Amino acid sequence: MATQTQAKVTALIMAGKRSGQLDPLAERAGVAQKSVVPVHGKPMIEHVVAALAACDRIGEIRIVAHEPDEIAAIPLVAQLSAEGRLRFAEGRHNLVDSVFAGTENADFPVLITTSDNCLVTAEGYAEFVEKALAEQAGAAAALARKEDVIAADPEGQKKFYEFTDGGYSNCNTYWIGSRDALGAAEILRSGGQFVKYPSRIAKAFGLMNLIRFYFGWGDKEQLFAQISKRFGYKLVPIVLSNGEFAIDVDEERSFRITEKLLARREGAAA
């Protein structure tokens, strides 16, 4: 049996598309879905697949997609599929059911990320896995400090979760520690993006937690502890070290910022 330090984690990339809607970035790029929009020279999902494939804490990679053909044609995806390391799962009509479909017969723990997380590196995913394992988390969400996000780019994020211990931004990376904790995915049924739509917190976490969140009562650990009591498993906030990880490709502004940061990273490496 693998030890905690040797454990491989299943990675789930959420790459679905909204029914009946063509994403503006996809329309501009002349592709059928946002996940294959070119970002700094390659499809955005390829950045995510490459980072996960290079992370020694990741075992199987699963892509949950409604229209897999464009994604499957990406050479790296095709290579990993041929090697048996990557497989597709069919996207369902909502995010939560898509997570359930993607984790069917999967080995846990499971890391969930999104196809537009172009800036998260292999080291970033490893940091998240190691911290979640160390916390013995039933479920977890990755966050970045407000000051780190602003340092990465002042326009990278416009809104932050505010707690007594500071401001934080969501990194769209999540942890499901076991099949028993899979119910944590229900938190996302309303669509997530709680900082943009605080009323969703009441639906997902309860009215008192909405009030605590809205008024900034308590630090993030206290809020997550209260949510843990509501759901019956340990839900943990995992703070990542790089503010870039909180910047994903949502629209033209974040697209431009992501391309700029990837170019800067490439230049630094050279």
Protein backbone atom coordinates (compact mmCIF):
# COMPACT_ATOMS: atom_id res chain seq x y z
CA MET A 1 0.00 0.00 0.00
CA ALA A 2 1.36 3.43 -0.94
CA THR A 3 2.43 5.73 1.85
CA GLN A 4 1.12 9.27 2.10
CA THR A 5 4.35 10.66 0.62
CA GLN A 6 4.19 8.19 -2.28
CA ALA A 7 0.47 8.49 -2.97
CA LYS A 8 -0.55 9.42 -6.49
CA VAL A 9 -3.57 11.63 -6.90
CA THR A 10 -6.15 11.44 -9.68
CA ALA A 11 -6.51 14.80 -11.46
CA LEU A 12 -9.84 15.90 -12.91
CA ILE A 13 -9.82 18.74 -15.47
CA MET A 14 -13.23 20.33 -15.90
CA ALA A 15 -13.44 21.26 -19.58
CA GLY A 16 -17.16 21.41 -20.26
CA LYS A 17 -19.03 24.08 -22.17
CA ARG A 18 -22.29 25.83 -21.42
CA SER A 19 -25.16 24.35 -23.33
CA GLY A 20 -26.24 26.42 -26.32
CA GLN A 21 -23.64 29.12 -25.71
CA LEU A 22 -20.40 29.80 -27.56
CA ASP A 23 -17.83 31.44 -25.31
CA PRO A 24 -16.74 34.87 -26.66
CA LEU A 25 -13.06 33.87 -26.54
CA ALA A 26 -13.84 30.69 -28.49
CA GLU A 27 -15.87 32.63 -31.05
CA ARG A 28 -13.03 35.10 -31.58
CA ALA A 29 -10.51 32.25 -31.96
CA GLY A 30 -12.72 30.30 -34.39
CA VAL A 31 -12.96 27.18 -32.21
CA ALA A 32 -15.95 25.33 -30.82
CA GLN A 33 -15.12 25.63 -27.13
CA LYS A 34 -13.14 27.77 -24.73
CA SER A 35 -10.83 24.94 -23.61
CA VAL A 36 -8.93 24.96 -26.92
CA VAL A 37 -8.59 28.74 -27.33
CA PRO A 38 -4.88 29.41 -28.03
CA VAL A 39 -3.14 31.09 -25.08
CA HIS A 40 0.50 32.06 -25.60
CA GLY A 41 0.82 29.74 -28.57
CA LYS A 42 -1.07 26.62 -27.49
CA PRO A 43 -4.58 25.55 -26.45
CA MET A 44 -5.32 26.72 -22.92
CA ILE A 45 -6.08 23.20 -21.69
CA GLU A 46 -2.66 22.05 -22.92
CA HIS A 47 -1.02 24.29 -20.31
CA VAL A 48 -3.04 22.51 -17.61
CA VAL A 49 -2.42 19.01 -18.97
CA ALA A 50 1.32 19.70 -19.27
CA ALA A 51 1.56 20.96 -15.68
CA LEU A 52 -0.34 17.96 -14.30
CA ALA A 53 1.65 15.48 -16.40
CA ALA A 54 4.91 16.98 -15.11
CA CYS A 55 3.78 16.81 -11.46
CA ASP A 56 5.12 13.72 -9.70
CA ARG A 57 2.17 13.72 -7.30
CA ILE A 58 -0.36 13.17 -10.10
CA GLY A 59 -1.28 9.73 -11.41
CA GLU A 60 -4.20 9.40 -13.81
CA ILE A 61 -5.49 12.52 -15.55
CA ARG A 62 -9.16 12.71 -16.52
CA ILE A 63 -10.70 15.37 -18.74
CA VAL A 64 -14.43 15.95 -18.34
CA ALA A 65 -15.73 17.40 -21.61
CA HIS A 66 -18.96 17.66 -23.59
CA GLU A 67 -17.13 17.77 -26.92
CA PRO A 68 -13.82 15.91 -26.55
CA ASP A 69 -12.72 15.68 -30.20
CA GLU A 70 -10.94 19.07 -30.42
CA ILE A 71 -9.21 18.39 -27.10
CA ALA A 72 -8.29 14.80 -27.99
CA ALA A 73 -6.55 16.05 -31.16
CA ILE A 74 -3.98 18.04 -29.16
CA PRO A 75 -0.70 16.09 -29.55
CA LEU A 76 0.16 16.02 -25.84
CA VAL A 77 -3.35 14.83 -24.97
CA ALA A 78 -3.18 12.16 -27.69
CA GLN A 79 0.22 11.01 -26.41
CA LEU A 80 -0.92 10.71 -22.79
CA SER A 81 -4.06 8.91 -23.92
CA ALA A 82 -1.98 6.41 -25.89
CA GLU A 83 0.22 5.86 -22.84
CA GLY A 84 -2.87 5.09 -20.76
CA ARG A 85 -2.31 8.00 -18.39
CA LEU A 86 -5.19 10.18 -19.63
CA ARG A 87 -8.82 9.40 -20.33
CA PHE A 88 -12.01 11.34 -21.04
CA ALA A 89 -15.27 11.40 -19.12
CA GLU A 90 -18.52 12.73 -20.52
CA GLY A 91 -19.63 16.11 -19.24
CA ARG A 92 -23.13 16.28 -17.78
CA HIS A 93 -25.72 19.03 -17.69
CA ASN A 94 -24.22 20.73 -14.62
CA LEU A 95 -20.86 21.05 -12.88
CA VAL A 96 -21.63 18.78 -9.92
CA ASP A 97 -22.93 15.88 -12.00
CA SER A 98 -19.90 16.31 -14.27
CA VAL A 99 -17.64 15.89 -11.22
CA PHE A 100 -19.55 12.74 -10.24
CA ALA A 101 -19.14 11.39 -13.79
CA GLY A 102 -15.44 12.22 -13.82
CA THR A 103 -14.76 10.45 -10.53
CA GLU A 104 -16.61 7.25 -11.43
CA ASN A 105 -14.28 4.32 -10.56
CA ALA A 106 -11.47 6.80 -9.86
CA ASP A 107 -8.75 6.30 -7.27
CA PHE A 108 -8.93 8.85 -4.46
CA PRO A 109 -7.76 11.41 -3.45
CA VAL A 110 -8.93 13.51 -6.40
CA LEU A 111 -7.66 16.95 -7.37
CA ILE A 112 -10.13 19.02 -9.39
CA THR A 113 -8.98 21.89 -11.57
CA THR A 114 -10.28 23.77 -14.60
CA SER A 115 -9.13 23.93 -18.21
CA ASP A 116 -8.52 27.70 -17.98
CA ASN A 117 -5.99 27.46 -15.12
CA CYS A 118 -3.12 28.14 -17.52
CA LEU A 119 -0.83 29.66 -14.88
CA VAL A 120 -0.78 26.85 -12.31
CA THR A 121 2.52 24.99 -12.55
CA ALA A 122 3.51 21.42 -11.75
CA GLU A 123 5.10 22.78 -8.57
CA GLY A 124 1.85 24.56 -7.70
CA TYR A 125 -0.18 21.37 -8.00
CA ALA A 126 2.43 19.49 -5.95
CA GLU A 127 2.26 22.16 -3.24
CA PHE A 128 -1.53 21.82 -3.10
CA VAL A 129 -1.40 18.00 -2.91
CA GLU A 130 1.25 17.98 -0.18
CA LYS A 131 -0.58 20.54 1.96
CA ALA A 132 -3.94 18.76 1.57
CA LEU A 133 -2.37 15.44 2.58
CA ALA A 134 -0.60 17.04 5.53
CA GLU A 135 -3.92 18.51 6.71
CA GLN A 136 -5.67 15.15 6.25
CA ALA A 137 -8.37 17.13 4.46
CA GLY A 138 -11.69 15.55 3.60
CA ALA A 139 -12.07 18.35 1.09
CA ALA A 140 -10.06 21.48 0.38
CA ALA A 141 -9.99 24.62 -1.73
CA ALA A 142 -6.86 26.40 -2.96
CA LEU A 143 -6.54 30.10 -2.18
CA ALA A 144 -3.94 32.78 -2.86
CA ARG A 145 -3.22 35.82 -0.69
CA LYS A 146 -4.51 39.15 -1.95
CA GLU A 147 -1.05 40.71 -1.76
CA ASP A 148 0.46 37.84 -3.75
CA VAL A 149 -2.21 38.16 -6.48
CA ILE A 150 -1.67 41.90 -6.73
CA ALA A 151 2.10 41.37 -6.84
CA ALA A 152 1.61 38.95 -9.76
CA ASP A 153 -0.48 41.54 -11.59
CA PRO A 154 -2.46 44.49 -10.15
CA GLU A 155 -5.35 43.75 -12.53
CA GLY A 156 -5.28 39.98 -12.11
CA GLN A 157 -8.33 39.83 -9.85
CA LYS A 158 -10.90 42.48 -9.02
CA LYS A 159 -12.60 40.94 -5.97
CA PHE A 160 -11.35 39.01 -2.96
CA TYR A 161 -12.73 37.05 -0.02
CA GLU A 162 -12.07 39.24 3.00
CA PHE A 163 -11.39 37.66 6.41
CA THR A 164 -9.90 39.04 9.60
CA ASP A 165 -6.57 37.49 8.60
CA GLY A 166 -6.53 39.14 5.18
CA GLY A 167 -7.94 38.95 1.67
CA TYR A 168 -7.81 35.82 -0.49
CA SER A 169 -8.71 34.74 -4.00
CA ASN A 170 -9.92 31.36 -5.18
CA CYS A 171 -7.52 29.35 -7.38
CA ASN A 172 -10.20 27.09 -8.93
CA THR A 173 -8.41 24.02 -7.58
CA TYR A 174 -10.14 21.64 -5.20
CA TRP A 175 -9.52 18.43 -3.25
CA ILE A 176 -11.75 15.47 -2.55
CA GLY A 177 -9.96 13.25 -0.05
CA SER A 178 -12.13 10.14 -0.35
CA ARG A 179 -15.27 8.89 -2.03
CA ASP A 180 -17.12 9.51 1.25
CA ALA A 181 -16.30 13.22 0.91
CA LEU A 182 -17.50 13.44 -2.69
CA GLY A 183 -20.58 15.24 -1.42
CA ALA A 184 -18.30 18.28 -1.11
CA ALA A 185 -18.88 18.75 -4.84
CA GLU A 186 -22.44 19.77 -3.98
CA ILE A 187 -20.95 23.08 -2.82
CA LEU A 188 -20.40 23.89 -6.51
CA ARG A 189 -23.95 23.14 -7.64
CA SER A 190 -24.92 26.80 -7.58
CA GLY A 191 -21.95 27.60 -9.81
CA GLY A 192 -19.33 28.67 -7.28
CA GLN A 193 -17.87 32.17 -7.75
CA PHE A 194 -19.04 33.06 -4.24
CA VAL A 195 -17.10 36.31 -4.15
CA LYS A 196 -19.16 37.54 -7.14
CA TYR A 197 -22.45 36.08 -5.89
CA PRO A 198 -22.46 36.07 -2.04
CA SER A 199 -26.07 34.83 -1.90
CA ARG A 200 -24.80 31.47 -3.15
CA ILE A 201 -22.98 31.06 0.18
CA ALA A 202 -26.32 30.95 2.00
CA LYS A 203 -27.53 28.20 -0.31
CA ALA A 204 -24.32 26.18 -0.11
CA PHE A 205 -23.13 26.84 3.44
CA GLY A 206 -26.04 28.27 5.41
CA LEU A 207 -27.26 31.73 6.38
CA MET A 208 -24.97 32.24 9.39
CA ASN A 209 -21.91 31.49 7.30
CA LEU A 210 -23.11 33.99 4.71
CA ILE A 211 -23.34 36.61 7.48
CA ARG A 212 -19.86 35.73 8.77
CA PHE A 213 -18.48 35.94 5.23
CA TYR A 214 -20.27 39.19 4.39
CA PHE A 215 -19.10 41.01 7.52
CA GLY A 216 -15.66 39.41 7.62
CA TRP A 217 -16.27 37.88 11.03
CA GLY A 218 -13.42 35.53 11.89
CA ASP A 219 -10.47 34.22 9.95
CA LYS A 220 -10.70 31.75 7.08
CA GLU A 221 -9.92 28.78 9.34
CA GLN A 222 -12.88 29.64 11.59
CA LEU A 223 -15.23 29.91 8.63
CA PHE A 224 -14.04 26.64 7.11
CA ALA A 225 -14.38 24.96 10.53
CA GLN A 226 -18.01 26.09 10.72
CA ILE A 227 -18.65 24.78 7.21
CA SER A 228 -16.97 21.50 8.17
CA LYS A 229 -19.46 21.07 11.02
CA ARG A 230 -22.33 21.64 8.60
CA PHE A 231 -21.12 19.03 6.13
CA GLY A 232 -19.61 16.49 8.52
CA TYR A 233 -16.10 16.29 7.08
CA LYS A 234 -12.94 18.37 7.37
CA LEU A 235 -12.97 21.18 4.80
CA VAL A 236 -9.63 23.02 4.67
CA PRO A 237 -8.40 26.26 3.04
CA ILE A 238 -5.04 25.65 1.36
CA VAL A 239 -3.01 28.82 0.76
CA LEU A 240 -0.67 28.54 -2.22
CA SER A 241 2.56 30.49 -2.46
CA ASN A 242 2.15 32.06 -5.91
CA GLY A 243 -0.49 34.70 -6.59
CA GLU A 244 -0.46 33.88 -10.32
CA PHE A 245 -2.35 30.68 -9.54
CA ALA A 246 -5.51 32.71 -8.80
CA ILE A 247 -5.59 34.21 -12.30
CA ASP A 248 -7.51 32.12 -14.83
CA VAL A 249 -8.74 32.93 -18.33
CA ASP A 250 -12.29 34.23 -17.97
CA GLU A 251 -12.48 37.04 -20.51
CA GLU A 252 -10.36 39.41 -22.59
CA ARG A 253 -8.76 41.14 -19.60
CA SER A 254 -7.58 37.96 -17.89
CA PHE A 255 -6.65 36.48 -21.28
CA ARG A 256 -4.24 39.36 -21.91
CA ILE A 257 -2.82 39.18 -18.39
CA THR A 258 -2.31 35.41 -18.66
CA GLU A 259 -0.46 35.75 -21.95
CA LYS A 260 1.72 38.48 -20.47
CA LEU A 261 2.58 36.38 -17.40
CA LEU A 262 3.32 33.28 -19.47
CA ALA A 263 5.61 35.31 -21.72
CA ARG A 264 7.37 36.76 -18.69
CA ARG A 265 7.77 33.30 -17.18
CA GLU A 266 9.19 31.98 -20.45
CA GLY A 267 11.63 34.86 -20.66
CA ALA A 268 12.81 34.29 -17.10
CA ALA A 269 13.37 30.60 -17.82
CA ALA A 270 15.38 31.45 -20.94
